[in-house]
């Protein structure tokens, strides 16, 4: 048996106690703002600050900036959105093959990257906000100096199907990508060298996220499990089972103390990272939740769903 399959089977067996069987622990009353998406089903969301500034995209050719602004220049559906670390720039990726950078305050289009040959499904800023990492078709691309100056392009090739998710390690030295080819690949962020290929994931790799301070990352796919990995030796160290069906989005809380996941049943699950217990379930969406994000302060979580609504949750912890 493949070593990754063997370890995965063992962890799934051992981690039955981590399944969503216990009642949520946190009973604190939630605060939630519900917004009609105005873009149809929502593919991705982003949030910045405590006020907050929120953005999302979906089955329309424009980006929605909450509460009332829109960014128009794409000609295809919006699949990915992300704020720069300082909140001044918004990046958007589309089925029109283009990636665009916008000035959040003025709504001005700053830059367009049009070298992709197919839809962009994932993007993330580097910690310094100067570069972005994108995933499209089978390629991962690091766009250096994306926010200004001479553009540098580092392409990482190796996936055999569409890339669904990208992430960057806490020390910014490693880039992670997950694909419909059922693999996770880990790359050297400076050279583009493939450091590790984790095959036989048994499902699409829908989401990846790195711990904000530790050498740890999490992944999810077509089943209902969150897998926890060591980013130094690439070993699978633990797992969490949910009853949420396919997991489309998962993310560490900025403190590193919590993991949030969301997927096909419309619920959002909050777990303790330390003991993997279920702390809270956020209910309200009536269809799949495709994207969740925390603000940098960790006080707000935003969720976007195919029910054509966006929810901004606070008072979670």
C-alpha atoms as a PDB file:
ATOM      1  CA  UNK A   1       0.000   0.000   0.000  1.00  0.00           C
ATOM      2  CA  UNK A   2       1.261   3.508  -0.783  1.00  0.00           C
ATOM      3  CA  UNK A   3       2.789   5.040   2.344  1.00  0.00           C
ATOM      4  CA  UNK A   4       0.542   8.102   2.227  1.00  0.00           C
ATOM      5  CA  UNK A   5      -2.566   5.924   1.887  1.00  0.00           C
ATOM      6  CA  UNK A   6      -1.400   3.751   4.764  1.00  0.00           C
ATOM      7  CA  UNK A   7      -0.766   6.694   7.072  1.00  0.00           C
ATOM      8  CA  UNK A   8      -4.042   8.288   6.020  1.00  0.00           C
ATOM      9  CA  UNK A   9      -6.030   5.131   6.786  1.00  0.00           C
ATOM     10  CA  UNK A  10      -4.331   4.827  10.175  1.00  0.00           C
ATOM     11  CA  UNK A  11      -4.992   8.455  11.064  1.00  0.00           C
ATOM     12  CA  UNK A  12      -8.620   8.242   9.998  1.00  0.00           C
ATOM     13  CA  UNK A  13      -9.035   5.191  12.234  1.00  0.00           C
ATOM     14  CA  UNK A  14      -7.252   6.689  15.209  1.00  0.00           C
ATOM     15  CA  UNK A  15      -8.908  10.090  14.898  1.00  0.00           C
ATOM     16  CA  UNK A  16     -12.486   8.866  15.229  1.00  0.00           C
ATOM     17  CA  UNK A  17     -12.532  10.663  18.559  1.00  0.00           C
ATOM     18  CA  UNK A  18     -11.946  13.891  16.616  1.00  0.00           C
ATOM     19  CA  UNK A  19     -15.076  13.421  14.511  1.00  0.00           C
ATOM     20  CA  UNK A  20     -17.902  15.913  14.823  1.00  0.00           C
ATOM     21  CA  UNK A  21     -19.790  13.897  17.400  1.00  0.00           C
ATOM     22  CA  UNK A  22     -19.556  16.223  20.385  1.00  0.00           C
ATOM     23  CA  UNK A  23     -21.817  19.184  20.857  1.00  0.00           C
ATOM     24  CA  UNK A  24     -20.193  22.559  20.172  1.00  0.00           C
ATOM     25  CA  UNK A  25     -18.533  24.084  23.227  1.00  0.00           C
ATOM     26  CA  UNK A  26     -18.919  27.831  22.582  1.00  0.00           C
ATOM     27  CA  UNK A  27     -22.434  29.105  23.296  1.00  0.00           C
ATOM     28  CA  UNK A  28     -21.732  32.830  22.940  1.00  0.00           C
ATOM     29  CA  UNK A  29     -24.356  34.665  20.881  1.00  0.00           C
ATOM     30  CA  UNK A  30     -23.192  35.356  17.344  1.00  0.00           C
ATOM     31  CA  UNK A  31     -23.443  38.588  15.429  1.00  0.00           C
ATOM     32  CA  UNK A  32     -23.959  38.215  11.680  1.00  0.00           C
ATOM     33  CA  UNK A  33     -24.514  40.608   8.795  1.00  0.00           C
ATOM     34  CA  UNK A  34     -26.206  39.012   5.784  1.00  0.00           C
ATOM     35  CA  UNK A  35     -25.707  40.574   2.359  1.00  0.00           C
ATOM     36  CA  UNK A  36     -27.174  39.608  -0.985  1.00  0.00           C
ATOM     37  CA  UNK A  37     -24.210  38.822  -3.190  1.00  0.00           C
ATOM     38  CA  UNK A  38     -25.494  40.540  -6.365  1.00  0.00           C
ATOM     39  CA  UNK A  39     -23.046  38.308  -8.268  1.00  0.00           C
ATOM     40  CA  UNK A  40     -25.057  35.088  -8.172  1.00  0.00           C
ATOM     41  CA  UNK A  41     -23.396  32.079  -6.528  1.00  0.00           C
ATOM     42  CA  UNK A  42     -20.237  33.194  -4.711  1.00  0.00           C
ATOM     43  CA  UNK A  43     -16.883  31.609  -5.597  1.00  0.00           C
ATOM     44  CA  UNK A  44     -14.555  33.512  -3.272  1.00  0.00           C
ATOM     45  CA  UNK A  45     -14.567  36.139  -0.526  1.00  0.00           C
ATOM     46  CA  UNK A  46     -12.002  38.405   1.146  1.00  0.00           C
ATOM     47  CA  UNK A  47     -12.082  40.647   4.199  1.00  0.00           C
ATOM     48  CA  UNK A  48      -9.783  43.274   5.708  1.00  0.00           C
ATOM     49  CA  UNK A  49      -9.856  45.226   8.954  1.00  0.00           C
ATOM     50  CA  UNK A  50     -12.339  45.407  11.775  1.00  0.00           C
ATOM     51  CA  UNK A  51     -14.863  47.702  10.118  1.00  0.00           C
ATOM     52  CA  UNK A  52     -14.613  45.685   7.760  1.00  0.00           C
ATOM     53  CA  UNK A  53     -13.832  46.062   4.067  1.00  0.00           C
ATOM     54  CA  UNK A  54     -15.198  42.995   2.279  1.00  0.00           C
ATOM     55  CA  UNK A  55     -15.008  41.794  -1.303  1.00  0.00           C
ATOM     56  CA  UNK A  56     -16.355  38.850  -3.230  1.00  0.00           C
ATOM     57  CA  UNK A  57     -16.783  37.443  -6.709  1.00  0.00           C
ATOM     58  CA  UNK A  58     -18.862  34.767  -8.357  1.00  0.00           C
ATOM     59  CA  UNK A  59     -21.011  34.026 -11.368  1.00  0.00           C
ATOM     60  CA  UNK A  60     -20.715  37.579 -12.718  1.00  0.00           C
ATOM     61  CA  UNK A  61     -17.936  39.534 -14.411  1.00  0.00           C
ATOM     62  CA  UNK A  62     -17.388  42.101 -11.659  1.00  0.00           C
ATOM     63  CA  UNK A  63     -16.046  42.179  -8.103  1.00  0.00           C
ATOM     64  CA  UNK A  64     -18.353  43.356  -5.343  1.00  0.00           C
ATOM     65  CA  UNK A  65     -16.897  45.675  -2.683  1.00  0.00           C
ATOM     66  CA  UNK A  66     -19.168  45.756   0.359  1.00  0.00           C
ATOM     67  CA  UNK A  67     -21.468  47.525   0.801  1.00  0.00           C
ATOM     68  CA  UNK A  68     -22.153  49.288  -2.484  1.00  0.00           C
ATOM     69  CA  UNK A  69     -19.136  49.468  -4.818  1.00  0.00           C
ATOM     70  CA  UNK A  70     -18.242  47.309  -7.820  1.00  0.00           C
ATOM     71  CA  UNK A  71     -15.007  46.787  -9.749  1.00  0.00           C
ATOM     72  CA  UNK A  72     -15.614  46.222 -13.444  1.00  0.00           C
ATOM     73  CA  UNK A  73     -13.133  45.188 -16.114  1.00  0.00           C
ATOM     74  CA  UNK A  74     -13.223  41.381 -16.243  1.00  0.00           C
ATOM     75  CA  UNK A  75     -15.242  39.652 -18.957  1.00  0.00           C
ATOM     76  CA  UNK A  76     -15.583  36.281 -17.211  1.00  0.00           C
ATOM     77  CA  UNK A  77     -16.744  34.884 -13.884  1.00  0.00           C
ATOM     78  CA  UNK A  78     -14.684  35.857 -10.829  1.00  0.00           C
ATOM     79  CA  UNK A  79     -13.087  32.817  -9.198  1.00  0.00           C
ATOM     80  CA  UNK A  80     -10.621  34.312  -6.698  1.00  0.00           C
ATOM     81  CA  UNK A  81     -10.237  37.535  -4.696  1.00  0.00           C
ATOM     82  CA  UNK A  82      -7.715  38.578  -2.042  1.00  0.00           C
ATOM     83  CA  UNK A  83      -6.644  41.747  -0.227  1.00  0.00           C
ATOM     84  CA  UNK A  84      -2.985  42.661   0.126  1.00  0.00           C
ATOM     85  CA  UNK A  85      -1.718  42.498   3.736  1.00  0.00           C
ATOM     86  CA  UNK A  86      -2.150  46.282   4.147  1.00  0.00           C
ATOM     87  CA  UNK A  87      -5.631  46.265   2.598  1.00  0.00           C
ATOM     88  CA  UNK A  88      -4.748  48.823  -0.059  1.00  0.00           C
ATOM     89  CA  UNK A  89      -4.847  46.483  -3.059  1.00  0.00           C
ATOM     90  CA  UNK A  90      -7.360  43.851  -4.117  1.00  0.00           C
ATOM     91  CA  UNK A  91      -6.389  41.072  -6.520  1.00  0.00           C
ATOM     92  CA  UNK A  92      -8.976  39.257  -8.622  1.00  0.00           C
ATOM     93  CA  UNK A  93      -8.686  36.168 -10.817  1.00  0.00           C
ATOM     94  CA  UNK A  94     -11.198  35.259 -13.474  1.00  0.00           C
ATOM     95  CA  UNK A  95     -12.370  32.753 -16.040  1.00  0.00           C
ATOM     96  CA  UNK A  96     -11.303  35.337 -18.635  1.00  0.00           C
ATOM     97  CA  UNK A  97      -7.702  34.160 -17.954  1.00  0.00           C
ATOM     98  CA  UNK A  98      -6.742  37.534 -16.433  1.00  0.00           C
ATOM     99  CA  UNK A  99      -5.563  38.597 -12.987  1.00  0.00           C
ATOM    100  CA  UNK A 100      -6.223  42.196 -12.042  1.00  0.00           C
ATOM    101  CA  UNK A 101      -4.954  44.421  -9.228  1.00  0.00           C
ATOM    102  CA  UNK A 102      -7.174  47.239  -7.959  1.00  0.00           C
ATOM    103  CA  UNK A 103      -6.643  50.243  -5.703  1.00  0.00           C
ATOM    104  CA  UNK A 104      -9.254  49.640  -3.004  1.00  0.00           C
ATOM    105  CA  UNK A 105      -9.688  53.301  -2.084  1.00  0.00           C
ATOM    106  CA  UNK A 106      -9.970  54.776  -5.582  1.00  0.00           C
ATOM    107  CA  UNK A 107     -11.277  51.645  -7.390  1.00  0.00           C
ATOM    108  CA  UNK A 108      -8.627  52.271 -10.051  1.00  0.00           C
ATOM    109  CA  UNK A 109      -7.348  49.296 -12.036  1.00  0.00           C
ATOM    110  CA  UNK A 110      -3.606  49.185 -11.357  1.00  0.00           C
ATOM    111  CA  UNK A 111      -2.402  46.210 -13.358  1.00  0.00           C
ATOM    112  CA  UNK A 112      -3.567  43.296 -15.490  1.00  0.00           C
ATOM    113  CA  UNK A 113      -1.669  40.026 -15.860  1.00  0.00           C
ATOM    114  CA  UNK A 114      -2.867  38.372 -19.044  1.00  0.00           C
ATOM    115  CA  UNK A 115      -0.302  35.628 -19.640  1.00  0.00           C
ATOM    116  CA  UNK A 116      -2.399  32.774 -18.259  1.00  0.00           C
ATOM    117  CA  UNK A 117      -3.914  30.489 -20.872  1.00  0.00           C
ATOM    118  CA  UNK A 118      -6.987  29.485 -18.889  1.00  0.00           C
ATOM    119  CA  UNK A 119      -9.076  30.435 -15.866  1.00  0.00           C
ATOM    120  CA  UNK A 120      -7.423  31.480 -12.611  1.00  0.00           C
ATOM    121  CA  UNK A 121      -8.889  29.569  -9.668  1.00  0.00           C
ATOM    122  CA  UNK A 122      -6.639  30.577  -6.776  1.00  0.00           C
ATOM    123  CA  UNK A 123      -4.381  33.410  -5.682  1.00  0.00           C
ATOM    124  CA  UNK A 124      -2.645  34.656  -2.559  1.00  0.00           C
ATOM    125  CA  UNK A 125      -0.370  37.579  -1.663  1.00  0.00           C
ATOM    126  CA  UNK A 126       3.053  37.051  -0.158  1.00  0.00           C
ATOM    127  CA  UNK A 127       3.484  38.331   3.405  1.00  0.00           C
ATOM    128  CA  UNK A 128       5.236  41.518   2.286  1.00  0.00           C
ATOM    129  CA  UNK A 129       2.411  42.326  -0.145  1.00  0.00           C
ATOM    130  CA  UNK A 130       4.819  42.817  -3.040  1.00  0.00           C
ATOM    131  CA  UNK A 131       4.116  39.606  -4.940  1.00  0.00           C
ATOM    132  CA  UNK A 132       1.199  37.309  -5.675  1.00  0.00           C
ATOM    133  CA  UNK A 133       0.980  33.583  -6.282  1.00  0.00           C
ATOM    134  CA  UNK A 134      -1.634  32.318  -8.726  1.00  0.00           C
ATOM    135  CA  UNK A 135      -2.909  28.943  -9.823  1.00  0.00           C
ATOM    136  CA  UNK A 136      -4.397  28.352 -13.252  1.00  0.00           C
ATOM    137  CA  UNK A 137      -4.845  25.256 -15.273  1.00  0.00           C
ATOM    138  CA  UNK A 138      -1.704  23.238 -14.430  1.00  0.00           C
ATOM    139  CA  UNK A 139       0.695  26.060 -13.575  1.00  0.00           C
ATOM    140  CA  UNK A 140       1.628  27.885 -10.387  1.00  0.00           C
ATOM    141  CA  UNK A 141       3.052  31.353 -11.001  1.00  0.00           C
ATOM    142  CA  UNK A 142       4.822  33.720  -8.605  1.00  0.00           C
ATOM    143  CA  UNK A 143       4.492  37.292  -9.880  1.00  0.00           C
ATOM    144  CA  UNK A 144       7.285  39.255  -8.217  1.00  0.00           C
ATOM    145  CA  UNK A 145       6.822  43.002  -7.681  1.00  0.00           C
ATOM    146  CA  UNK A 146       3.201  42.595  -8.723  1.00  0.00           C
ATOM    147  CA  UNK A 147       2.105  45.670  -6.792  1.00  0.00           C
ATOM    148  CA  UNK A 148       4.646  47.945  -8.512  1.00  0.00           C
ATOM    149  CA  UNK A 149       7.961  48.002 -10.349  1.00  0.00           C
ATOM    150  CA  UNK A 150       9.458  45.586 -12.845  1.00  0.00           C
ATOM    151  CA  UNK A 151       7.466  42.365 -12.957  1.00  0.00           C
ATOM    152  CA  UNK A 152       9.285  39.088 -12.461  1.00  0.00           C
ATOM    153  CA  UNK A 153       7.564  35.811 -13.311  1.00  0.00           C
ATOM    154  CA  UNK A 154       8.480  32.440 -11.807  1.00  0.00           C
ATOM    155  CA  UNK A 155       6.461  29.518 -13.202  1.00  0.00           C
ATOM    156  CA  UNK A 156       6.208  26.165 -11.419  1.00  0.00           C
ATOM    157  CA  UNK A 157       5.146  23.297 -13.683  1.00  0.00           C
ATOM    158  CA  UNK A 158       4.213  19.756 -12.713  1.00  0.00           C
ATOM    159  CA  UNK A 159       0.505  19.383 -12.041  1.00  0.00           C
ATOM    160  CA  UNK A 160      -1.474  17.357 -14.575  1.00  0.00           C
ATOM    161  CA  UNK A 161      -4.874  18.940 -13.946  1.00  0.00           C
ATOM    162  CA  UNK A 162      -6.443  22.205 -12.773  1.00  0.00           C
ATOM    163  CA  UNK A 163      -4.932  23.881  -9.713  1.00  0.00           C
ATOM    164  CA  UNK A 164      -7.658  24.658  -7.188  1.00  0.00           C
ATOM    165  CA  UNK A 165      -5.712  26.180  -4.305  1.00  0.00           C
ATOM    166  CA  UNK A 166      -2.375  27.818  -3.465  1.00  0.00           C
ATOM    167  CA  UNK A 167      -0.783  28.826  -0.166  1.00  0.00           C
ATOM    168  CA  UNK A 168       2.500  30.143   1.197  1.00  0.00           C
ATOM    169  CA  UNK A 169       4.341  29.092   4.354  1.00  0.00           C
ATOM    170  CA  UNK A 170       4.671  31.359   7.377  1.00  0.00           C
ATOM    171  CA  UNK A 171       8.347  32.017   6.580  1.00  0.00           C
ATOM    172  CA  UNK A 172       7.497  32.688   2.898  1.00  0.00           C
ATOM    173  CA  UNK A 173      10.052  30.085   1.789  1.00  0.00           C
ATOM    174  CA  UNK A 174       7.637  27.478   0.457  1.00  0.00           C
ATOM    175  CA  UNK A 175       4.695  27.645  -1.939  1.00  0.00           C
ATOM    176  CA  UNK A 176       1.998  24.975  -1.787  1.00  0.00           C
ATOM    177  CA  UNK A 177      -0.452  23.986  -4.513  1.00  0.00           C
ATOM    178  CA  UNK A 178      -3.352  21.537  -4.664  1.00  0.00           C
ATOM    179  CA  UNK A 179      -5.033  20.211  -7.768  1.00  0.00           C
ATOM    180  CA  UNK A 180      -7.723  18.093  -9.347  1.00  0.00           C
ATOM    181  CA  UNK A 181      -4.876  15.681 -10.122  1.00  0.00           C
ATOM    182  CA  UNK A 182      -5.168  14.601  -6.453  1.00  0.00           C
ATOM    183  CA  UNK A 183      -1.714  15.801  -5.475  1.00  0.00           C
ATOM    184  CA  UNK A 184      -0.195  18.434  -3.229  1.00  0.00           C
ATOM    185  CA  UNK A 185       3.035  19.961  -4.472  1.00  0.00           C
ATOM    186  CA  UNK A 186       5.455  22.041  -2.415  1.00  0.00           C
ATOM    187  CA  UNK A 187       7.858  24.410  -4.153  1.00  0.00           C
ATOM    188  CA  UNK A 188      10.885  26.503  -3.262  1.00  0.00           C
ATOM    189  CA  UNK A 189       9.585  30.088  -3.363  1.00  0.00           C
ATOM    190  CA  UNK A 190      12.952  31.488  -4.469  1.00  0.00           C
ATOM    191  CA  UNK A 191      13.833  29.072  -7.258  1.00  0.00           C
ATOM    192  CA  UNK A 192      10.573  27.337  -8.181  1.00  0.00           C
ATOM    193  CA  UNK A 193      12.175  23.936  -7.530  1.00  0.00           C
ATOM    194  CA  UNK A 194       9.742  21.159  -6.636  1.00  0.00           C
ATOM    195  CA  UNK A 195      10.582  20.167  -3.059  1.00  0.00           C
ATOM    196  CA  UNK A 196       7.897  17.552  -2.478  1.00  0.00           C
ATOM    197  CA  UNK A 197       5.134  15.821  -4.394  1.00  0.00           C
ATOM    198  CA  UNK A 198       2.463  14.297  -2.156  1.00  0.00           C
ATOM    199  CA  UNK A 199       0.482  11.939  -4.412  1.00  0.00           C
ATOM    200  CA  UNK A 200      -2.567   9.716  -4.029  1.00  0.00           C
ATOM    201  CA  UNK A 201      -4.684  12.112  -1.999  1.00  0.00           C
ATOM    202  CA  UNK A 202      -7.736  10.069  -3.106  1.00  0.00           C
ATOM    203  CA  UNK A 203      -9.721  13.189  -4.012  1.00  0.00           C
ATOM    204  CA  UNK A 204      -9.385  16.672  -5.454  1.00  0.00           C
ATOM    205  CA  UNK A 205      -7.330  18.961  -3.230  1.00  0.00           C
ATOM    206  CA  UNK A 206      -9.796  21.816  -2.749  1.00  0.00           C
ATOM    207  CA  UNK A 207      -8.060  23.874  -0.072  1.00  0.00           C
ATOM    208  CA  UNK A 208      -4.676  24.421   1.559  1.00  0.00           C
ATOM    209  CA  UNK A 209      -3.672  26.771   4.345  1.00  0.00           C
ATOM    210  CA  UNK A 210      -0.500  27.255   6.392  1.00  0.00           C
ATOM    211  CA  UNK A 211      -0.295  27.845  10.134  1.00  0.00           C
ATOM    212  CA  UNK A 212       0.624  31.506  10.802  1.00  0.00           C
ATOM    213  CA  UNK A 213       3.676  30.666  12.933  1.00  0.00           C
ATOM    214  CA  UNK A 214       4.364  26.912  12.876  1.00  0.00           C
ATOM    215  CA  UNK A 215       5.690  24.620  10.146  1.00  0.00           C
ATOM    216  CA  UNK A 216       2.278  23.066   9.694  1.00  0.00           C
ATOM    217  CA  UNK A 217      -0.299  23.080   6.931  1.00  0.00           C
ATOM    218  CA  UNK A 218      -3.809  21.735   6.442  1.00  0.00           C
ATOM    219  CA  UNK A 219      -5.582  20.344   3.404  1.00  0.00           C
ATOM    220  CA  UNK A 220      -9.081  19.269   2.424  1.00  0.00           C
ATOM    221  CA  UNK A 221     -10.809  17.616  -0.477  1.00  0.00           C
ATOM    222  CA  UNK A 222     -13.856  15.754  -1.675  1.00  0.00           C
ATOM    223  CA  UNK A 223     -14.347  13.881   1.577  1.00  0.00           C
ATOM    224  CA  UNK A 224     -15.197  15.386   4.960  1.00  0.00           C
ATOM    225  CA  UNK A 225     -11.723  15.299   6.502  1.00  0.00           C
ATOM    226  CA  UNK A 226      -9.213  17.989   7.375  1.00  0.00           C
ATOM    227  CA  UNK A 227      -5.666  16.643   7.100  1.00  0.00           C
ATOM    228  CA  UNK A 228      -2.866  18.161   9.177  1.00  0.00           C
ATOM    229  CA  UNK A 229       0.711  17.987   7.858  1.00  0.00           C
ATOM    230  CA  UNK A 230       4.239  18.740   9.006  1.00  0.00           C
ATOM    231  CA  UNK A 231       5.810  21.192   6.554  1.00  0.00           C
ATOM    232  CA  UNK A 232       9.372  20.183   7.465  1.00  0.00           C
ATOM    233  CA  UNK A 233       9.256  16.448   6.729  1.00  0.00           C
ATOM    234  CA  UNK A 234       5.893  16.469   4.882  1.00  0.00           C
ATOM    235  CA  UNK A 235       4.434  13.790   7.139  1.00  0.00           C
ATOM    236  CA  UNK A 236       0.724  13.488   7.832  1.00  0.00           C
ATOM    237  CA  UNK A 237       0.397  14.069  11.584  1.00  0.00           C
ATOM    238  CA  UNK A 238      -3.328  14.195  12.362  1.00  0.00           C
ATOM    239  CA  UNK A 239      -6.813  14.588  10.933  1.00  0.00           C
ATOM    240  CA  UNK A 240     -10.204  15.969  11.892  1.00  0.00           C
ATOM    241  CA  UNK A 241     -13.466  14.466  10.674  1.00  0.00           C
ATOM    242  CA  UNK A 242     -16.482  16.669  10.044  1.00  0.00           C
ATOM    243  CA  UNK A 243     -20.045  15.899   9.037  1.00  0.00           C
ATOM    244  CA  UNK A 244     -20.007  18.698   6.473  1.00  0.00           C
ATOM    245  CA  UNK A 245     -19.496  16.651   3.315  1.00  0.00           C
ATOM    246  CA  UNK A 246     -17.000  17.888   0.747  1.00  0.00           C
ATOM    247  CA  UNK A 247     -14.797  20.643   2.202  1.00  0.00           C
ATOM    248  CA  UNK A 248     -14.249  23.530  -0.201  1.00  0.00           C
ATOM    249  CA  UNK A 249     -12.548  26.012   2.112  1.00  0.00           C
ATOM    250  CA  UNK A 250     -10.517  25.893   5.299  1.00  0.00           C
ATOM    251  CA  UNK A 251      -8.323  28.365   7.105  1.00  0.00           C
ATOM    252  CA  UNK A 252      -6.295  28.860  10.267  1.00  0.00           C
ATOM    253  CA  UNK A 253      -7.330  31.654  12.601  1.00  0.00           C
ATOM    254  CA  UNK A 254      -4.590  34.353  12.660  1.00  0.00           C
ATOM    255  CA  UNK A 255      -3.721  33.322  16.226  1.00  0.00           C
ATOM    256  CA  UNK A 256      -3.136  29.749  15.092  1.00  0.00           C
ATOM    257  CA  UNK A 257      -5.472  28.496  17.830  1.00  0.00           C
ATOM    258  CA  UNK A 258      -8.411  27.571  15.601  1.00  0.00           C
ATOM    259  CA  UNK A 259      -9.240  25.968  12.259  1.00  0.00           C
ATOM    260  CA  UNK A 260     -12.383  26.868  10.316  1.00  0.00           C
ATOM    261  CA  UNK A 261     -13.815  24.728   7.516  1.00  0.00           C
ATOM    262  CA  UNK A 262     -16.823  24.943   5.215  1.00  0.00           C
ATOM    263  CA  UNK A 263     -18.305  22.950   2.397  1.00  0.00           C
ATOM    264  CA  UNK A 264     -21.206  21.207   0.793  1.00  0.00           C
ATOM    265  CA  UNK A 265     -23.723  21.179   3.657  1.00  0.00           C
ATOM    266  CA  UNK A 266     -23.651  24.967   4.140  1.00  0.00           C
ATOM    267  CA  UNK A 267     -22.280  24.930   7.686  1.00  0.00           C
ATOM    268  CA  UNK A 268     -19.027  26.428   8.961  1.00  0.00           C
ATOM    269  CA  UNK A 269     -17.123  24.467  11.607  1.00  0.00           C
ATOM    270  CA  UNK A 270     -14.715  25.979  14.132  1.00  0.00           C
ATOM    271  CA  UNK A 271     -12.217  23.599  15.748  1.00  0.00           C
ATOM    272  CA  UNK A 272      -9.536  23.944  18.386  1.00  0.00           C
ATOM    273  CA  UNK A 273      -6.164  23.368  16.739  1.00  0.00           C
ATOM    274  CA  UNK A 274      -4.584  22.027  19.938  1.00  0.00           C
ATOM    275  CA  UNK A 275      -7.032  19.259  20.806  1.00  0.00           C
ATOM    276  CA  UNK A 276      -9.063  19.124  17.549  1.00  0.00           C
ATOM    277  CA  UNK A 277     -12.390  19.483  19.371  1.00  0.00           C
ATOM    278  CA  UNK A 278     -15.391  21.099  17.729  1.00  0.00           C
ATOM    279  CA  UNK A 279     -15.984  24.506  19.319  1.00  0.00           C
ATOM    280  CA  UNK A 280     -18.749  25.998  17.216  1.00  0.00           C
ATOM    281  CA  UNK A 281     -20.962  25.490  14.148  1.00  0.00           C
ATOM    282  CA  UNK A 282     -22.062  28.563  12.196  1.00  0.00           C
ATOM    283  CA  UNK A 283     -25.382  27.793  10.520  1.00  0.00           C
ATOM    284  CA  UNK A 284     -27.456  29.828   8.102  1.00  0.00           C
ATOM    285  CA  UNK A 285     -26.336  29.227   4.528  1.00  0.00           C
ATOM    286  CA  UNK A 286     -28.746  27.052   2.542  1.00  0.00           C
ATOM    287  CA  UNK A 287     -26.291  25.813  -0.106  1.00  0.00           C
ATOM    288  CA  UNK A 288     -22.598  24.993  -0.328  1.00  0.00           C
ATOM    289  CA  UNK A 289     -20.158  27.460   1.193  1.00  0.00           C
ATOM    290  CA  UNK A 290     -17.354  27.895  -1.311  1.00  0.00           C
ATOM    291  CA  UNK A 291     -15.121  30.303   0.615  1.00  0.00           C
ATOM    292  CA  UNK A 292     -14.366  31.495   4.148  1.00  0.00           C
ATOM    293  CA  UNK A 293     -11.727  33.970   5.357  1.00  0.00           C
ATOM    294  CA  UNK A 294     -10.767  35.597   8.670  1.00  0.00           C
ATOM    295  CA  UNK A 295      -9.714  39.223   8.892  1.00  0.00           C
ATOM    296  CA  UNK A 296      -6.141  39.756  10.083  1.00  0.00           C
ATOM    297  CA  UNK A 297      -7.327  40.601  13.596  1.00  0.00           C
ATOM    298  CA  UNK A 298      -9.259  37.338  13.810  1.00  0.00           C
ATOM    299  CA  UNK A 299     -12.415  39.105  14.983  1.00  0.00           C
ATOM    300  CA  UNK A 300     -14.453  38.568  11.813  1.00  0.00           C
ATOM    301  CA  UNK A 301     -15.094  35.626   9.526  1.00  0.00           C
ATOM    302  CA  UNK A 302     -16.662  36.113   6.097  1.00  0.00           C
ATOM    303  CA  UNK A 303     -18.389  33.349   4.141  1.00  0.00           C
ATOM    304  CA  UNK A 304     -19.660  33.179   0.573  1.00  0.00           C
ATOM    305  CA  UNK A 305     -22.164  30.629  -0.664  1.00  0.00           C
ATOM    306  CA  UNK A 306     -23.950  29.296  -3.704  1.00  0.00           C
ATOM    307  CA  UNK A 307     -27.142  30.467  -1.973  1.00  0.00           C
ATOM    308  CA  UNK A 308     -26.131  33.892  -3.379  1.00  0.00           C
ATOM    309  CA  UNK A 309     -25.458  35.452   0.018  1.00  0.00           C
ATOM    310  CA  UNK A 310     -22.392  36.595   1.917  1.00  0.00           C
ATOM    311  CA  UNK A 311     -22.346  36.474   5.707  1.00  0.00           C
ATOM    312  CA  UNK A 312     -20.025  38.502   7.918  1.00  0.00           C
ATOM    313  CA  UNK A 313     -19.749  36.779  11.308  1.00  0.00           C
ATOM    314  CA  UNK A 314     -18.419  38.308  14.524  1.00  0.00           C
ATOM    315  CA  UNK A 315     -18.504  37.526  18.251  1.00  0.00           C
ATOM    316  CA  UNK A 316     -17.479  33.976  17.350  1.00  0.00           C
ATOM    317  CA  UNK A 317     -15.001  33.298  20.175  1.00  0.00           C
END
